[in-house]
Amino acid sequence: MDTVRAADHDRYLSALYAPADKRGALLALYAFNAEIAGVRDRIHEPLPGEVRLQWWRDVNAAEADAETGHPTADALRATIAAHHLPKAAFENMLEARIFDLYDDPMPSRTDLEGYCGETAAALIQLAAMVLDPVAAPGFAELAGRAGCAQAITGLLLLLPLHRQRGQCFVPADILAAAGTTPEEFIKGEGGAAAERAVAAMIALAREHLNAFEKGAAALPVSLRPAFLPLALTRAYLDKMKGAGGSPLTATVPLSVLRRHWLLLRHATGGWRPL
């Protein structure tokens, strides 16, 4: 709980709306995600980062009763065993996170959506399987849309950090269509073209969010906590287009009060049909 609260406060808040007997498993998933998403922040060289991700692969592959002494790893292994979660999903998530360790530009929109699918979307689907294993498979496609919307929005929120350390998650084909390159974008030399690329990313996030919201009215109450972080996504995107400044230079946080209100509203009322 402390790990998720410190590293991923939005998912921490959403987990509080899950049934008490499911909350620990969700927090184990979210703590694991925070651990592997933060490898680049803690280990600044790619090869040691890959070693760390390989350690998590070994944890995933080991026998269920083998303890590691690492609280998050042991909680994750217990969660996988108790809820019969597919280990392949965790392997794919770790494979996708290798991209984070290097400064290679994201090649295309298709590659970006694949990255989002193996990370944020997979996490939503795993959480859904914990909450309601019978209903979850019917909403896998919706989890894909939700994960893309959430992950692209998250990447936009982290744009200043990524540019500072030489990373470019904005796909090269989107940058080319906007009239710039990954190199110019990272250096802050793209000018109006960089703003057009950011606008295209916001539009892409909205496209996936709209598709999610179109089907979200059908979500059973049992699965809502897995999708609950999406309650904040539209508000983040709206702030990016408002008067608060460009995502290129500044983050656009939501107040704690507004986050609590949006989560409560969607936890109790779900999503209305569009």
Protein backbone atom coordinates (compact mmCIF):
# COMPACT_ATOMS: atom_id res chain seq x y z
CA MET A 1 0.00 0.00 0.00
CA ASP A 2 2.77 2.46 0.89
CA THR A 3 4.61 1.72 -2.37
CA VAL A 4 1.57 2.39 -4.53
CA ARG A 5 0.48 5.43 -2.53
CA ALA A 6 3.90 7.03 -3.06
CA ALA A 7 4.55 5.99 -6.67
CA ASP A 8 1.10 5.84 -8.30
CA HIS A 9 -1.40 7.80 -6.27
CA ASP A 10 -4.20 7.61 -8.84
CA ARG A 11 -4.18 3.81 -8.89
CA TYR A 12 -3.82 3.78 -5.11
CA LEU A 13 -7.01 5.82 -4.76
CA SER A 14 -8.85 3.63 -7.23
CA ALA A 15 -7.88 0.47 -5.32
CA LEU A 16 -9.59 1.81 -2.21
CA TYR A 17 -12.93 1.37 -4.01
CA ALA A 18 -12.32 -2.36 -4.55
CA PRO A 19 -13.81 -4.94 -2.16
CA ALA A 20 -11.62 -5.40 0.89
CA ASP A 21 -10.78 -9.01 0.00
CA LYS A 22 -9.53 -7.97 -3.47
CA ARG A 23 -7.69 -4.81 -2.48
CA GLY A 24 -4.42 -6.48 -1.51
CA ALA A 25 -4.16 -8.26 -4.85
CA LEU A 26 -4.78 -5.04 -6.79
CA LEU A 27 -2.15 -3.23 -4.75
CA ALA A 28 0.32 -6.05 -5.45
CA LEU A 29 -0.27 -5.63 -9.20
CA TYR A 30 0.06 -1.85 -8.98
CA ALA A 31 3.19 -2.06 -6.83
CA PHE A 32 4.79 -4.40 -9.38
CA ASN A 33 3.87 -1.98 -12.15
CA ALA A 34 5.37 0.93 -10.21
CA GLU A 35 8.56 -1.06 -9.65
CA ILE A 36 9.17 -1.87 -13.30
CA ALA A 37 7.94 1.50 -14.60
CA GLY A 38 10.42 3.22 -12.29
CA VAL A 39 13.52 1.22 -13.20
CA ARG A 40 14.81 4.02 -15.48
CA ASP A 41 14.41 6.53 -12.63
CA ARG A 42 16.41 4.43 -10.18
CA ILE A 43 18.96 2.80 -12.52
CA HIS A 44 20.24 5.26 -15.09
CA GLU A 45 22.21 2.85 -17.29
CA PRO A 46 20.39 0.46 -19.65
CA LEU A 47 22.28 -2.76 -18.95
CA PRO A 48 21.84 -2.68 -15.15
CA GLY A 49 18.20 -1.82 -15.86
CA GLU A 50 17.86 -4.92 -18.02
CA VAL A 51 19.41 -6.97 -15.21
CA ARG A 52 16.72 -5.66 -12.88
CA LEU A 53 13.96 -6.55 -15.31
CA GLN A 54 15.51 -10.00 -15.71
CA TRP A 55 15.31 -10.44 -11.93
CA TRP A 56 11.58 -9.86 -12.18
CA ARG A 57 11.39 -12.42 -15.00
CA ASP A 58 13.09 -14.94 -12.74
CA VAL A 59 10.61 -14.12 -9.98
CA ASN A 60 7.75 -14.68 -12.42
CA ALA A 61 9.15 -18.00 -13.62
CA ALA A 62 10.03 -19.49 -10.21
CA GLU A 63 7.87 -21.96 -8.33
CA ALA A 64 4.88 -20.47 -6.56
CA ASP A 65 6.07 -21.34 -3.05
CA ALA A 66 9.60 -19.90 -3.45
CA GLU A 67 9.93 -16.72 -1.38
CA THR A 68 12.26 -13.93 -2.47
CA GLY A 69 12.27 -11.75 0.65
CA HIS A 70 11.14 -8.84 -1.51
CA PRO A 71 7.70 -7.72 -0.24
CA THR A 72 6.32 -6.68 -3.62
CA ALA A 73 7.65 -9.77 -5.39
CA ASP A 74 6.23 -12.13 -2.79
CA ALA A 75 2.87 -10.33 -2.79
CA LEU A 76 2.78 -10.50 -6.60
CA ARG A 77 3.57 -14.21 -6.68
CA ALA A 78 0.84 -14.89 -4.13
CA THR A 79 -1.60 -12.85 -6.22
CA ILE A 80 -0.72 -14.70 -9.43
CA ALA A 81 -1.21 -18.05 -7.73
CA ALA A 82 -4.42 -17.14 -5.88
CA HIS A 83 -6.13 -15.64 -8.92
CA HIS A 84 -4.65 -17.87 -11.63
CA LEU A 85 -3.26 -14.92 -13.55
CA PRO A 86 -1.40 -15.66 -16.82
CA LYS A 87 2.34 -15.39 -16.35
CA ALA A 88 2.73 -14.55 -20.03
CA ALA A 89 1.08 -11.18 -19.41
CA PHE A 90 3.78 -10.28 -16.89
CA GLU A 91 6.52 -11.50 -19.24
CA ASN A 92 5.14 -9.30 -22.02
CA MET A 93 4.95 -6.36 -19.65
CA LEU A 94 8.59 -6.78 -18.69
CA GLU A 95 9.60 -7.10 -22.34
CA ALA A 96 7.78 -3.86 -23.19
CA ARG A 97 9.54 -2.02 -20.37
CA ILE A 98 12.93 -2.60 -21.98
CA PHE A 99 12.02 0.28 -24.29
CA ASP A 100 12.00 2.61 -21.28
CA LEU A 101 15.68 1.95 -20.60
CA TYR A 102 16.97 3.28 -23.92
CA ASP A 103 16.65 6.53 -25.84
CA ASP A 104 15.44 5.03 -29.11
CA PRO A 105 12.47 6.98 -30.50
CA MET A 106 9.05 5.34 -30.67
CA PRO A 107 8.83 4.28 -34.34
CA SER A 108 5.12 4.57 -35.08
CA ARG A 109 1.61 4.95 -33.72
CA THR A 110 1.18 1.18 -34.07
CA ASP A 111 4.27 0.60 -31.91
CA LEU A 112 2.99 3.07 -29.32
CA GLU A 113 -0.38 1.36 -29.13
CA GLY A 114 1.36 -2.00 -28.80
CA TYR A 115 3.47 -0.64 -25.94
CA CYS A 116 0.34 0.68 -24.23
CA GLY A 117 -1.38 -2.65 -24.74
CA GLU A 118 1.40 -4.63 -23.08
CA THR A 119 1.67 -2.22 -20.14
CA ALA A 120 -1.35 -0.17 -19.03
CA ALA A 121 -4.00 -2.21 -20.86
CA ALA A 122 -2.58 -5.50 -19.57
CA LEU A 123 -2.58 -4.12 -16.04
CA ILE A 124 -6.26 -3.17 -16.32
CA GLN A 125 -7.16 -6.61 -17.64
CA LEU A 126 -5.20 -8.36 -14.88
CA ALA A 127 -6.96 -6.22 -12.28
CA ALA A 128 -10.29 -7.13 -13.88
CA MET A 129 -9.40 -10.82 -13.63
CA VAL A 130 -8.73 -10.38 -9.93
CA LEU A 131 -12.04 -8.62 -9.39
CA ASP A 132 -14.31 -10.86 -11.47
CA PRO A 133 -12.64 -13.67 -13.45
CA VAL A 134 -15.94 -14.67 -15.05
CA ALA A 135 -16.84 -11.21 -16.42
CA ALA A 136 -13.32 -9.98 -17.20
CA PRO A 137 -12.72 -11.79 -20.53
CA GLY A 138 -15.74 -10.08 -22.06
CA PHE A 139 -14.16 -6.68 -21.54
CA ALA A 140 -10.64 -7.35 -22.83
CA GLU A 141 -11.14 -5.11 -25.88
CA LEU A 142 -12.43 -2.32 -23.66
CA ALA A 143 -9.35 -2.75 -21.46
CA GLY A 144 -7.22 -2.24 -24.57
CA ARG A 145 -8.89 1.06 -25.35
CA ALA A 146 -8.73 2.14 -21.71
CA GLY A 147 -5.05 1.26 -21.43
CA CYS A 148 -4.13 3.24 -24.55
CA ALA A 149 -6.06 6.30 -23.36
CA GLN A 150 -4.54 6.14 -19.88
CA ALA A 151 -0.97 5.41 -21.00
CA ILE A 152 -0.83 8.06 -23.73
CA THR A 153 -2.18 10.61 -21.26
CA GLY A 154 0.46 9.54 -18.76
CA LEU A 155 3.21 9.93 -21.35
CA LEU A 156 1.97 13.44 -22.11
CA LEU A 157 2.10 14.28 -18.41
CA LEU A 158 5.71 13.07 -18.32
CA LEU A 159 6.81 14.90 -21.48
CA PRO A 160 9.08 17.43 -19.71
CA LEU A 161 10.88 14.63 -17.84
CA HIS A 162 11.27 12.47 -20.93
CA ARG A 163 12.64 15.35 -23.01
CA GLN A 164 15.07 16.26 -20.24
CA ARG A 165 16.59 12.79 -20.27
CA GLY A 166 16.52 12.37 -24.05
CA GLN A 167 13.53 10.08 -24.48
CA CYS A 168 10.85 10.39 -27.13
CA PHE A 169 7.62 8.44 -26.77
CA VAL A 170 5.87 10.55 -29.41
CA PRO A 171 5.89 8.28 -32.49
CA ALA A 172 8.19 9.25 -35.35
CA ASP A 173 5.35 9.08 -37.88
CA ILE A 174 3.29 11.56 -35.85
CA LEU A 175 6.30 13.85 -35.56
CA ALA A 176 6.96 13.61 -39.30
CA ALA A 177 3.35 14.43 -40.11
CA ALA A 178 3.64 17.47 -37.82
CA GLY A 179 6.83 18.59 -39.57
CA THR A 180 9.55 17.72 -37.07
CA THR A 181 11.83 14.88 -35.97
CA PRO A 182 12.49 13.04 -32.71
CA GLU A 183 15.86 14.81 -32.42
CA GLU A 184 14.32 18.26 -32.81
CA PHE A 185 11.47 17.37 -30.49
CA ILE A 186 13.79 16.28 -27.69
CA LYS A 187 16.00 19.36 -28.05
CA GLY A 188 13.02 21.71 -27.98
CA GLU A 189 13.68 22.90 -31.53
CA GLY A 190 10.41 21.82 -33.07
CA GLY A 191 8.54 25.06 -32.45
CA ALA A 192 4.99 25.02 -33.79
CA ALA A 193 5.57 21.54 -35.25
CA ALA A 194 6.22 20.16 -31.76
CA GLU A 195 2.95 21.71 -30.56
CA ARG A 196 1.15 20.08 -33.49
CA ALA A 197 2.65 16.73 -32.54
CA VAL A 198 1.48 17.14 -28.96
CA ALA A 199 -1.99 18.09 -30.20
CA ALA A 200 -2.00 14.90 -32.29
CA MET A 201 -1.07 12.86 -29.22
CA ILE A 202 -3.87 14.47 -27.23
CA ALA A 203 -6.26 13.66 -30.09
CA LEU A 204 -5.05 10.04 -30.12
CA ALA A 205 -5.62 9.72 -26.38
CA ARG A 206 -9.12 11.18 -26.82
CA GLU A 207 -9.86 8.75 -29.65
CA HIS A 208 -9.16 5.79 -27.38
CA LEU A 209 -10.92 7.43 -24.44
CA ASN A 210 -14.05 8.06 -26.51
CA ALA A 211 -14.06 4.44 -27.65
CA PHE A 212 -13.68 3.29 -24.04
CA GLU A 213 -16.45 5.54 -22.77
CA LYS A 214 -18.77 4.38 -25.54
CA GLY A 215 -18.62 0.84 -24.13
CA ALA A 216 -18.00 1.64 -20.47
CA ALA A 217 -21.69 1.91 -19.60
CA ALA A 218 -21.85 -1.88 -19.94
CA LEU A 219 -19.14 -2.46 -17.32
CA PRO A 220 -20.47 -4.50 -14.40
CA VAL A 221 -20.06 -2.95 -10.97
CA SER A 222 -17.62 -5.72 -10.07
CA LEU A 223 -15.11 -4.51 -12.69
CA ARG A 224 -15.34 -0.77 -12.08
CA PRO A 225 -12.32 -0.51 -9.76
CA ALA A 226 -10.03 -1.92 -12.48
CA PHE A 227 -11.08 0.85 -14.88
CA LEU A 228 -11.50 3.58 -12.29
CA PRO A 229 -8.26 5.49 -13.07
CA LEU A 230 -9.92 6.35 -16.42
CA ALA A 231 -12.24 8.62 -14.43
CA LEU A 232 -9.35 11.10 -14.34
CA THR A 233 -8.13 10.83 -17.92
CA ARG A 234 -10.54 13.26 -19.59
CA ALA A 235 -9.89 15.86 -16.89
CA TYR A 236 -6.12 15.57 -17.48
CA LEU A 237 -6.58 15.93 -21.24
CA ASP A 238 -8.90 18.91 -20.81
CA LYS A 239 -6.28 20.67 -18.68
CA MET A 240 -3.66 20.11 -21.38
CA LYS A 241 -5.82 22.02 -23.84
CA GLY A 242 -6.68 24.75 -21.35
CA ALA A 243 -4.86 27.83 -20.16
CA GLY A 244 -2.42 25.96 -17.93
CA GLY A 245 0.37 25.78 -20.50
CA SER A 246 1.67 23.23 -22.97
CA PRO A 247 2.53 19.67 -21.84
CA LEU A 248 5.88 20.31 -23.53
CA THR A 249 7.03 22.49 -20.68
CA ALA A 250 4.82 21.84 -17.67
CA THR A 251 2.80 19.10 -16.03
CA VAL A 252 -0.91 19.65 -15.53
CA PRO A 253 -1.82 18.15 -12.16
CA LEU A 254 -5.36 17.80 -10.91
CA SER A 255 -6.12 18.91 -7.38
CA VAL A 256 -6.54 16.18 -4.79
CA LEU A 257 -10.12 17.28 -4.22
CA ARG A 258 -10.99 17.01 -7.92
CA ARG A 259 -9.39 13.57 -8.20
CA HIS A 260 -11.34 12.31 -5.19
CA TRP A 261 -14.57 13.72 -6.57
CA LEU A 262 -14.12 12.18 -10.04
CA LEU A 263 -13.21 8.79 -8.62
CA LEU A 264 -16.15 8.81 -6.22
CA ARG A 265 -18.58 9.84 -8.96
CA HIS A 266 -17.50 7.07 -11.31
CA ALA A 267 -17.13 4.46 -8.57
CA THR A 268 -20.71 4.97 -7.50
CA GLY A 269 -22.36 5.87 -10.81
CA GLY A 270 -20.17 4.28 -13.46
CA TRP A 271 -20.03 5.79 -16.96
CA ARG A 272 -23.14 7.04 -18.68
CA PRO A 273 -23.78 5.97 -22.30
CA LEU A 274 -22.38 8.42 -24.88
